[in-house]
C-alpha atoms as a PDB file:
ATOM      1  CA  MET A   1     124.098  95.835 110.238  1.00  0.00           C
ATOM      2  CA  SER A   2     121.377  97.453 112.984  1.00  0.00           C
ATOM      3  CA  GLU A   3     118.044  95.496 113.854  1.00  0.00           C
ATOM      4  CA  PRO A   4     114.899  97.829 114.907  1.00  0.00           C
ATOM      5  CA  ARG A   5     113.405  96.289 117.936  1.00  0.00           C
ATOM      6  CA  SER A   6     111.093  99.395 117.753  1.00  0.00           C
ATOM      7  CA  ALA A   7     109.440 101.072 114.817  1.00  0.00           C
ATOM      8  CA  HIS A   8     112.037 102.877 112.623  1.00  0.00           C
ATOM      9  CA  ARG A   9     110.598 105.580 110.178  1.00  0.00           C
ATOM     10  CA  VAL A  10     112.026 107.352 107.660  1.00  0.00           C
ATOM     11  CA  LEU A  11     111.058 111.071 106.814  1.00  0.00           C
ATOM     12  CA  ASP A  12     112.091 113.304 104.061  1.00  0.00           C
ATOM     13  CA  GLY A  13     114.900 110.809 103.596  1.00  0.00           C
ATOM     14  CA  ASP A  14     117.867 112.506 101.670  1.00  0.00           C
ATOM     15  CA  MET A  15     120.183 108.877 101.921  1.00  0.00           C
ATOM     16  CA  ASP A  16     123.471 108.391  99.821  1.00  0.00           C
ATOM     17  CA  GLU A  17     123.237 104.762 100.229  1.00  0.00           C
ATOM     18  CA  ALA A  18     121.318 102.170 101.909  1.00  0.00           C
ATOM     19  CA  GLU A  19     120.574 101.398 104.898  1.00  0.00           C
ATOM     20  CA  VAL A  20     120.936  97.419 106.161  1.00  0.00           C
ATOM     21  CA  HIS A  21     119.063  96.011 109.153  1.00  0.00           C
ATOM     22  CA  ALA A  22     118.115  93.035 110.331  1.00  0.00           C
ATOM     23  CA  PHE A  23     114.078  92.562 110.311  1.00  0.00           C
ATOM     24  CA  GLY A  24     111.911  89.451 111.794  1.00  0.00           C
ATOM     25  CA  ALA A  25     113.437  85.956 109.916  1.00  0.00           C
ATOM     26  CA  GLY A  26     115.425  88.277 107.632  1.00  0.00           C
ATOM     27  CA  GLU A  27     117.092  91.647 106.499  1.00  0.00           C
ATOM     28  CA  VAL A  28     116.256  94.788 104.811  1.00  0.00           C
ATOM     29  CA  ALA A  29     117.868  97.445 102.929  1.00  0.00           C
ATOM     30  CA  LEU A  30     115.919 100.732 102.685  1.00  0.00           C
ATOM     31  CA  PHE A  31     116.685 103.608 100.608  1.00  0.00           C
ATOM     32  CA  SER A  32     115.442 106.749 100.378  1.00  0.00           C
ATOM     33  CA  CYS A  33     116.472 110.307  98.063  1.00  0.00           C
ATOM     34  CA  ARG A  34     114.823 113.454  97.126  1.00  0.00           C
ATOM     35  CA  SER A  35     114.416 114.031  93.330  1.00  0.00           C
ATOM     36  CA  PRO A  36     117.896 115.576  91.510  1.00  0.00           C
ATOM     37  CA  GLY A  37     117.766 119.658  92.269  1.00  0.00           C
ATOM     38  CA  ARG A  38     114.801 119.038  94.502  1.00  0.00           C
ATOM     39  CA  THR A  39     114.718 122.157  97.628  1.00  0.00           C
ATOM     40  CA  GLY A  40     111.947 121.377  99.316  1.00  0.00           C
ATOM     41  CA  PRO A  41     111.306 117.915 101.293  1.00  0.00           C
ATOM     42  CA  ASN A  42     111.378 114.433 100.188  1.00  0.00           C
ATOM     43  CA  GLU A  43     107.594 113.440  99.723  1.00  0.00           C
ATOM     44  CA  ASP A  44     108.213 110.046 100.177  1.00  0.00           C
ATOM     45  CA  SER A  45     107.956 108.001 103.560  1.00  0.00           C
ATOM     46  CA  ALA A  46     108.946 104.201 104.679  1.00  0.00           C
ATOM     47  CA  ALA A  47     108.657 102.674 107.742  1.00  0.00           C
ATOM     48  CA  LEU A  48     110.194  99.117 108.941  1.00  0.00           C
ATOM     49  CA  LEU A  49     107.260  98.074 112.009  1.00  0.00           C
ATOM     50  CA  PRO A  50     108.317  94.684 113.921  1.00  0.00           C
ATOM     51  CA  PHE A  51     105.284  92.776 115.026  1.00  0.00           C
ATOM     52  CA  ASP A  52     107.357  89.932 117.193  1.00  0.00           C
ATOM     53  CA  ASP A  53     110.854  88.643 116.551  1.00  0.00           C
ATOM     54  CA  VAL A  54     109.495  86.887 113.419  1.00  0.00           C
ATOM     55  CA  SER A  55     106.951  88.668 111.515  1.00  0.00           C
ATOM     56  CA  GLY A  56     106.023  92.573 111.063  1.00  0.00           C
ATOM     57  CA  VAL A  57     105.249  94.934 108.166  1.00  0.00           C
ATOM     58  CA  LEU A  58     107.490  97.001 105.503  1.00  0.00           C
ATOM     59  CA  ALA A  59     106.164 100.104 104.165  1.00  0.00           C
ATOM     60  CA  VAL A  60     106.370 102.868 101.465  1.00  0.00           C
ATOM     61  CA  ALA A  61     103.923 106.240 101.223  1.00  0.00           C
ATOM     62  CA  ASP A  62     104.307 108.683  98.111  1.00  0.00           C
ATOM     63  CA  GLY A  63     102.494 111.817  99.091  1.00  0.00           C
ATOM     64  CA  MET A  64     101.111 114.040  96.567  1.00  0.00           C
ATOM     65  CA  GLY A  65      99.265 117.495  96.304  1.00  0.00           C
ATOM     66  CA  GLY A  66     102.177 119.771  96.827  1.00  0.00           C
ATOM     67  CA  GLU A  67     105.364 119.364  98.812  1.00  0.00           C
ATOM     68  CA  ARG A  68     104.567 120.506 102.194  1.00  0.00           C
ATOM     69  CA  GLY A  69     101.122 118.779 101.842  1.00  0.00           C
ATOM     70  CA  GLY A  70     102.250 115.499 100.345  1.00  0.00           C
ATOM     71  CA  ALA A  71     105.196 114.669 102.459  1.00  0.00           C
ATOM     72  CA  ARG A  72     102.861 115.878 105.531  1.00  0.00           C
ATOM     73  CA  ALA A  73      99.995 113.207 103.548  1.00  0.00           C
ATOM     74  CA  SER A  74     102.876 110.216 103.536  1.00  0.00           C
ATOM     75  CA  GLY A  75     104.409 111.046 106.699  1.00  0.00           C
ATOM     76  CA  LEU A  76     100.614 110.995 108.438  1.00  0.00           C
ATOM     77  CA  ALA A  77     100.366 106.895 106.537  1.00  0.00           C
ATOM     78  CA  VAL A  78     103.209 105.604 107.643  1.00  0.00           C
ATOM     79  CA  GLU A  79     102.015 107.280 111.357  1.00  0.00           C
ATOM     80  CA  SER A  80      99.058 105.937 111.317  1.00  0.00           C
ATOM     81  CA  LEU A  81     100.188 102.258 110.513  1.00  0.00           C
ATOM     82  CA  GLU A  82     102.615 102.342 113.404  1.00  0.00           C
ATOM     83  CA  THR A  83     100.134 103.497 116.040  1.00  0.00           C
ATOM     84  CA  ALA A  84      97.665 100.847 114.710  1.00  0.00           C
ATOM     85  CA  ILE A  85     100.418  98.091 114.953  1.00  0.00           C
ATOM     86  CA  GLY A  86     101.402  98.640 117.935  1.00  0.00           C
ATOM     87  CA  GLU A  87      97.757  98.473 119.577  1.00  0.00           C
ATOM     88  CA  ALA A  88      97.016  95.307 117.996  1.00  0.00           C
ATOM     89  CA  ARG A  89     100.470  93.602 119.364  1.00  0.00           C
ATOM     90  CA  ARG A  90      99.022  95.427 122.929  1.00  0.00           C
ATOM     91  CA  GLU A  91      96.094  94.225 122.392  1.00  0.00           C
ATOM     92  CA  GLY A  92      96.636  90.576 121.173  1.00  0.00           C
ATOM     93  CA  TRP A  93      94.830  91.064 117.529  1.00  0.00           C
ATOM     94  CA  MET A  94      95.826  89.889 114.668  1.00  0.00           C
ATOM     95  CA  LEU A  95      98.366  91.778 112.505  1.00  0.00           C
ATOM     96  CA  ARG A  96      96.152  91.921 109.499  1.00  0.00           C
ATOM     97  CA  THR A  97      93.858  94.002 111.887  1.00  0.00           C
ATOM     98  CA  GLY A  98      96.774  96.492 112.692  1.00  0.00           C
ATOM     99  CA  ILE A  99      97.390  96.901 109.343  1.00  0.00           C
ATOM    100  CA  LEU A 100      94.152  97.545 108.273  1.00  0.00           C
ATOM    101  CA  ASN A 101      93.133  99.858 111.178  1.00  0.00           C
ATOM    102  CA  GLY A 102      96.315 101.695 110.280  1.00  0.00           C
ATOM    103  CA  PHE A 103      95.208 102.525 106.601  1.00  0.00           C
ATOM    104  CA  GLU A 104      91.896 103.276 107.149  1.00  0.00           C
ATOM    105  CA  ARG A 105      93.183 106.002 110.319  1.00  0.00           C
ATOM    106  CA  ALA A 106      95.962 107.371 107.788  1.00  0.00           C
ATOM    107  CA  ASN A 107      92.718 108.027 105.212  1.00  0.00           C
ATOM    108  CA  GLU A 108      90.898 109.860 107.813  1.00  0.00           C
ATOM    109  CA  ALA A 109      93.501 111.847 109.035  1.00  0.00           C
ATOM    110  CA  ILE A 110      95.007 112.739 106.001  1.00  0.00           C
ATOM    111  CA  CYS A 111      91.106 113.939 104.373  1.00  0.00           C
ATOM    112  CA  ALA A 112      90.900 115.792 107.938  1.00  0.00           C
ATOM    113  CA  LEU A 113      93.957 117.951 106.852  1.00  0.00           C
ATOM    114  CA  GLY A 114      91.422 119.850 104.693  1.00  0.00           C
ATOM    115  CA  VAL A 115      94.583 120.421 101.954  1.00  0.00           C
ATOM    116  CA  GLY A 116      93.725 118.338  99.303  1.00  0.00           C
ATOM    117  CA  ALA A 117      96.876 116.229 100.202  1.00  0.00           C
ATOM    118  CA  GLY A 118      96.848 112.693  99.330  1.00  0.00           C
ATOM    119  CA  THR A 119      99.490 109.663  99.426  1.00  0.00           C
ATOM    120  CA  THR A 120     100.574 106.105  97.878  1.00  0.00           C
ATOM    121  CA  LEU A 121     100.823 103.246 100.635  1.00  0.00           C
ATOM    122  CA  ALA A 122     102.165 100.263  99.913  1.00  0.00           C
ATOM    123  CA  ALA A 123     102.406  97.724 102.623  1.00  0.00           C
ATOM    124  CA  VAL A 124     103.898  93.817 102.859  1.00  0.00           C
ATOM    125  CA  GLU A 125     102.929  91.679 106.160  1.00  0.00           C
ATOM    126  CA  ILE A 126     106.191  89.640 106.256  1.00  0.00           C
ATOM    127  CA  GLY A 127     106.048  86.370 108.084  1.00  0.00           C
ATOM    128  CA  PRO A 128     108.944  83.769 108.745  1.00  0.00           C
ATOM    129  CA  GLU A 129     107.641  81.908 105.421  1.00  0.00           C
ATOM    130  CA  SER A 130     105.181  84.138 103.813  1.00  0.00           C
ATOM    131  CA  ILE A 131     104.315  87.687 103.108  1.00  0.00           C
ATOM    132  CA  ARG A 132     100.870  89.714 102.235  1.00  0.00           C
ATOM    133  CA  PRO A 133     100.407  92.248  99.760  1.00  0.00           C
ATOM    134  CA  TYR A 134      98.135  95.203 100.793  1.00  0.00           C
ATOM    135  CA  HIS A 135      97.809  98.696  99.054  1.00  0.00           C
ATOM    136  CA  VAL A 136      96.934 102.327  97.858  1.00  0.00           C
ATOM    137  CA  GLY A 137      97.830 103.542  94.716  1.00  0.00           C
ATOM    138  CA  ASP A 138     100.570 102.962  91.824  1.00  0.00           C
ATOM    139  CA  SER A 139     103.470 102.073  94.728  1.00  0.00           C
ATOM    140  CA  THR A 140     105.022  99.210  93.483  1.00  0.00           C
ATOM    141  CA  ILE A 141     104.991  95.707  95.300  1.00  0.00           C
ATOM    142  CA  LEU A 142     107.059  92.840  93.620  1.00  0.00           C
ATOM    143  CA  GLN A 143     107.970  89.090  94.814  1.00  0.00           C
ATOM    144  CA  ILE A 144     111.404  88.009  92.862  1.00  0.00           C
ATOM    145  CA  GLY A 145     112.747  84.497  92.549  1.00  0.00           C
ATOM    146  CA  GLN A 146     117.047  83.946  92.926  1.00  0.00           C
ATOM    147  CA  ARG A 147     116.395  83.157  89.452  1.00  0.00           C
ATOM    148  CA  GLY A 148     114.560  86.073  88.195  1.00  0.00           C
ATOM    149  CA  LYS A 149     110.771  84.207  88.466  1.00  0.00           C
ATOM    150  CA  LEU A 150     108.645  87.444  88.964  1.00  0.00           C
ATOM    151  CA  LYS A 151     106.350  85.733  91.220  1.00  0.00           C
ATOM    152  CA  LEU A 152     104.269  89.095  92.739  1.00  0.00           C
ATOM    153  CA  GLN A 153     103.624  92.425  91.052  1.00  0.00           C
ATOM    154  CA  THR A 154     100.868  94.956  92.053  1.00  0.00           C
ATOM    155  CA  VAL A 155      98.692  96.631  89.470  1.00  0.00           C
ATOM    156  CA  ALA A 156      99.163  99.905  90.073  1.00  0.00           C
ATOM    157  CA  HIS A 157      95.530 101.904  90.968  1.00  0.00           C
ATOM    158  CA  SER A 158      95.644 104.114  87.736  1.00  0.00           C
ATOM    159  CA  PRO A 159      93.901 104.367  84.094  1.00  0.00           C
ATOM    160  CA  VAL A 160      97.498 103.293  82.324  1.00  0.00           C
ATOM    161  CA  GLY A 161      98.204 100.118  85.290  1.00  0.00           C
ATOM    162  CA  PHE A 162      94.838  99.130  84.579  1.00  0.00           C
ATOM    163  CA  ALA A 163      95.165  99.040  80.842  1.00  0.00           C
ATOM    164  CA  VAL A 164      98.997  97.305  81.303  1.00  0.00           C
ATOM    165  CA  GLU A 165      97.013  94.817  82.882  1.00  0.00           C
ATOM    166  CA  ALA A 166      93.688  94.046  80.558  1.00  0.00           C
ATOM    167  CA  GLY A 167      97.301  93.949  77.755  1.00  0.00           C
ATOM    168  CA  VAL A 168      96.064  97.206  75.941  1.00  0.00           C
ATOM    169  CA  LEU A 169      99.280  98.658  76.802  1.00  0.00           C
ATOM    170  CA  ASP A 170     102.386  97.434  77.279  1.00  0.00           C
ATOM    171  CA  GLU A 171     105.413  98.379  79.577  1.00  0.00           C
ATOM    172  CA  GLY A 172     107.394 100.718  77.278  1.00  0.00           C
ATOM    173  CA  GLU A 173     104.258 102.418  76.472  1.00  0.00           C
ATOM    174  CA  ALA A 174     102.863 102.611  79.665  1.00  0.00           C
ATOM    175  CA  MET A 175     106.321 104.673  80.453  1.00  0.00           C
ATOM    176  CA  HIS A 176     106.063 107.123  77.906  1.00  0.00           C
ATOM    177  CA  HIS A 177     102.419 108.032  78.551  1.00  0.00           C
ATOM    178  CA  GLU A 178     101.182 111.137  78.854  1.00  0.00           C
ATOM    179  CA  HIS A 179      98.421 110.057  81.810  1.00  0.00           C
ATOM    180  CA  ARG A 180     100.439 107.990  83.654  1.00  0.00           C
ATOM    181  CA  HIS A 181     100.696 109.406  86.445  1.00  0.00           C
ATOM    182  CA  LEU A 182      97.163 109.807  87.440  1.00  0.00           C
ATOM    183  CA  VAL A 183      96.337 107.956  90.056  1.00  0.00           C
ATOM    184  CA  SER A 184      92.870 106.525  90.680  1.00  0.00           C
ATOM    185  CA  ASN A 185      93.125 105.690  94.375  1.00  0.00           C
ATOM    186  CA  VAL A 186      94.446 107.529  97.244  1.00  0.00           C
ATOM    187  CA  LEU A 187      94.925 107.886 100.646  1.00  0.00           C
ATOM    188  CA  GLY A 188      93.084 111.231 101.425  1.00  0.00           C
ATOM    189  CA  ALA A 189      89.974 110.364  99.547  1.00  0.00           C
ATOM    190  CA  PRO A 190      86.624 109.358 100.650  1.00  0.00           C
ATOM    191  CA  ASP A 191      86.253 106.583  98.150  1.00  0.00           C
ATOM    192  CA  MET A 192      89.527 105.097  99.209  1.00  0.00           C
ATOM    193  CA  ARG A 193      89.862 101.274  98.926  1.00  0.00           C
ATOM    194  CA  ILE A 194      92.485  98.870 100.180  1.00  0.00           C
ATOM    195  CA  GLU A 195      93.638  96.492  97.789  1.00  0.00           C
ATOM    196  CA  ILE A 196      94.545  93.190 100.197  1.00  0.00           C
ATOM    197  CA  GLY A 197      96.704  90.256  98.178  1.00  0.00           C
ATOM    198  CA  SER A 198      96.681  86.746  99.501  1.00  0.00           C
ATOM    199  CA  ASN A 199      98.899  84.962 101.348  1.00  0.00           C
ATOM    200  CA  ARG A 200     102.148  84.072  99.390  1.00  0.00           C
ATOM    201  CA  ARG A 201     104.869  81.878 100.099  1.00  0.00           C
ATOM    202  CA  LEU A 202     108.415  83.298 100.579  1.00  0.00           C
ATOM    203  CA  ALA A 203     111.035  80.964  99.448  1.00  0.00           C
ATOM    204  CA  PRO A 204     114.041  81.116 100.989  1.00  0.00           C
ATOM    205  CA  LEU A 205     115.634  82.849  98.051  1.00  0.00           C
ATOM    206  CA  ASP A 206     113.346  85.278  97.241  1.00  0.00           C
ATOM    207  CA  THR A 207     113.368  89.179  97.516  1.00  0.00           C
ATOM    208  CA  VAL A 208     110.236  91.667  98.538  1.00  0.00           C
ATOM    209  CA  LEU A 209     110.469  95.010  96.962  1.00  0.00           C
ATOM    210  CA  ILE A 210     108.333  97.956  97.654  1.00  0.00           C
ATOM    211  CA  ALA A 211     109.228 100.834  96.027  1.00  0.00           C
ATOM    212  CA  SER A 212     107.583 104.540  94.994  1.00  0.00           C
ATOM    213  CA  ASP A 213     107.134 105.313  91.063  1.00  0.00           C
ATOM    214  CA  GLY A 214     110.353 107.161  91.491  1.00  0.00           C
ATOM    215  CA  LEU A 215     111.842 103.596  91.117  1.00  0.00           C
ATOM    216  CA  SER A 216     109.580 102.502  88.656  1.00  0.00           C
ATOM    217  CA  ASP A 217     109.490 105.636  86.363  1.00  0.00           C
ATOM    218  CA  ASN A 218     113.123 104.931  85.559  1.00  0.00           C
ATOM    219  CA  LEU A 219     113.911 101.523  85.765  1.00  0.00           C
ATOM    220  CA  ARG A 220     112.232  98.477  83.623  1.00  0.00           C
ATOM    221  CA  THR A 221     110.619  95.874  85.640  1.00  0.00           C
ATOM    222  CA  GLU A 222     113.179  93.554  84.105  1.00  0.00           C
ATOM    223  CA  GLU A 223     116.006  95.956  85.065  1.00  0.00           C
ATOM    224  CA  ILE A 224     115.014  95.703  88.611  1.00  0.00           C
ATOM    225  CA  VAL A 225     114.376  92.380  88.632  1.00  0.00           C
ATOM    226  CA  ALA A 226     117.788  91.528  86.951  1.00  0.00           C
ATOM    227  CA  LEU A 227     119.587  93.964  89.873  1.00  0.00           C
ATOM    228  CA  LEU A 228     117.920  92.649  93.037  1.00  0.00           C
ATOM    229  CA  ARG A 229     117.670  88.731  91.938  1.00  0.00           C
ATOM    230  CA  THR A 230     121.549  88.289  92.635  1.00  0.00           C
ATOM    231  CA  GLY A 231     124.287  89.722  94.933  1.00  0.00           C
ATOM    232  CA  SER A 232     123.957  90.558  98.822  1.00  0.00           C
ATOM    233  CA  LEU A 233     120.866  92.948  99.458  1.00  0.00           C
ATOM    234  CA  ALA A 234     123.111  95.425 100.369  1.00  0.00           C
ATOM    235  CA  VAL A 235     124.961  95.032  96.887  1.00  0.00           C
ATOM    236  CA  ALA A 236     121.772  94.875  95.337  1.00  0.00           C
ATOM    237  CA  SER A 237     119.990  97.823  96.629  1.00  0.00           C
ATOM    238  CA  GLY A 238     123.099  99.845  95.984  1.00  0.00           C
ATOM    239  CA  ARG A 239     122.978  99.112  92.224  1.00  0.00           C
ATOM    240  CA  LEU A 240     119.404  99.774  92.287  1.00  0.00           C
ATOM    241  CA  ALA A 241     119.888 103.262  93.310  1.00  0.00           C
ATOM    242  CA  GLU A 242     122.740 103.847  91.462  1.00  0.00           C
ATOM    243  CA  LEU A 243     121.279 102.919  88.025  1.00  0.00           C
ATOM    244  CA  ALA A 244     117.681 105.059  89.198  1.00  0.00           C
ATOM    245  CA  ARG A 245     119.783 108.255  90.315  1.00  0.00           C
ATOM    246  CA  ALA A 246     121.879 107.776  87.418  1.00  0.00           C
ATOM    247  CA  ARG A 247     118.828 107.609  85.316  1.00  0.00           C
ATOM    248  CA  MET A 248     117.282 110.467  86.333  1.00  0.00           C
ATOM    249  CA  HIS A 249     120.383 113.140  86.047  1.00  0.00           C
ATOM    250  CA  ALA A 250     121.766 111.631  82.690  1.00  0.00           C
ATOM    251  CA  PRO A 251     119.269 109.290  80.850  1.00  0.00           C
ATOM    252  CA  ALA A 252     120.627 107.379  77.792  1.00  0.00           C
ATOM    253  CA  GLU A 253     118.678 107.592  74.457  1.00  0.00           C
ATOM    254  CA  GLU A 254     115.743 106.055  74.562  1.00  0.00           C
ATOM    255  CA  GLU A 255     115.671 105.164  78.262  1.00  0.00           C
ATOM    256  CA  PRO A 256     113.189 106.102  80.820  1.00  0.00           C
ATOM    257  CA  SER A 257     113.595 108.763  83.231  1.00  0.00           C
ATOM    258  CA  LYS A 258     111.924 110.826  85.382  1.00  0.00           C
ATOM    259  CA  PRO A 259     113.283 112.965  88.530  1.00  0.00           C
ATOM    260  CA  ASP A 260     111.430 112.136  91.321  1.00  0.00           C
ATOM    261  CA  ASP A 261     111.600 111.078  94.916  1.00  0.00           C
ATOM    262  CA  LEU A 262     113.263 107.808  95.098  1.00  0.00           C
ATOM    263  CA  THR A 263     112.297 105.480  97.724  1.00  0.00           C
ATOM    264  CA  PHE A 264     112.562 101.858  97.965  1.00  0.00           C
ATOM    265  CA  VAL A 265     112.650  98.808 100.816  1.00  0.00           C
ATOM    266  CA  ALA A 266     113.690  95.145  99.633  1.00  0.00           C
ATOM    267  CA  PHE A 267     113.861  92.459 101.937  1.00  0.00           C
ATOM    268  CA  ARG A 268     115.363  88.774 102.321  1.00  0.00           C
ATOM    269  CA  PRO A 269     114.657  85.852 104.463  1.00  0.00           C
ATOM    270  CA  ARG A 270     117.880  84.038 106.013  1.00  0.00           C
ATOM    271  CA  LEU A 271     118.752  81.105 104.624  1.00  0.00           C
ATOM    272  CA  ARG A 272     117.753  78.623 106.596  1.00  0.00           C
ATOM    273  CA  PRO A 273     119.643  74.888 107.142  1.00  0.00           C
ATOM    274  CA  ARG A 274     118.202  72.316 105.514  1.00  0.00           C
ATOM    275  CA  PRO A 275     117.203  69.424 108.199  1.00  0.00           C
ATOM    276  CA  ASN A 276     119.389  67.146 106.048  1.00  0.00           C
ATOM    277  CA  ALA A 277     122.433  69.127 106.358  1.00  0.00           C
ATOM    278  CA  LYS A 278     121.998  68.944 110.189  1.00  0.00           C
ATOM    279  CA  ARG A 279     121.747  65.365 110.029  1.00  0.00           C
ATOM    280  CA  ALA A 280     124.987  65.339 107.976  1.00  0.00           C
ATOM    281  CA  SER A 281     126.664  67.698 110.546  1.00  0.00           C
ATOM    282  CA  ARG A 282     125.418  65.847 113.522  1.00  0.00           C
ATOM    283  CA  ALA A 283     126.799  62.191 112.651  1.00  0.00           C
ATOM    284  CA  ALA A 284     130.317  63.690 111.348  1.00  0.00           C
ATOM    285  CA  ARG A 285     130.615  64.977 114.471  1.00  0.00           C
ATOM    286  CA  SER A 286     129.388  62.349 116.708  1.00  0.00           C
ATOM    287  CA  SER A 287     130.995  59.497 114.035  1.00  0.00           C
ATOM    288  CA  PRO A 288     134.845  57.947 115.219  1.00  0.00           C
ATOM    289  CA  ALA A 289     138.070  59.490 112.838  1.00  0.00           C
ATOM    290  CA  ARG A 290     138.802  56.644 110.985  1.00  0.00           C
ATOM    291  CA  ARG A 291     142.514  56.160 110.917  1.00  0.00           C
ATOM    292  CA  ALA A 292     144.497  56.576 106.983  1.00  0.00           C
END
């Protein structure tokens, strides 16, 4: 397991298995591959952006507007975010300021391309015991408890996403809806808006997931939760990538399937020793051995 002491970006990724890195107060698994049969670049991008020893930002962008335009837009999104977070570190600003500056500068840069390209951008501010989500578009952010409780699920910025949130459609209907892939809010639009979530407690056994719709179009949310909540992060991420790719290549009857670029980042905090366990360990070391 390697540790990205500086920012780590993946552009046009085509991995066979997830990379696992130490990150802040935990570890992160990163996976990105092209759509089956794609000859052009992967339009998704991802980034691991450390801020200090215990905090940083994880991000996934899903480009649109033609292969070259989409790949360029998603790359600009994570590059702009990296630059803005680095500036915040140097200037002594809050991490939140760097994230928002990154979103806004990315939007300006993509609009300036003038080719009609756009991208989603989903980012999570990771602290030692808390997270905060930020997103534009329909890339997914989930927070999953070790027992399978879904603690956070962002709402896709799309007509279908809002219909699911309102209870008009269920997830099964949404996955097969003819307008599922219409996105109403993207970087690269003059009226782009950033949705900022609340600061949320990160429990020791939680898993945080950020993913392009290549994952959510091929796996139901309950399947994602079941695959990610148990086992090591490397093993759980491998299961997730394997099943999503299998659905794309050879879908089972009535199962979701849509070939697409697939990118996700999954994070877990390191387990911290319990205070009483520390005391018990110290007491055991200091107590004299008893005779039988």
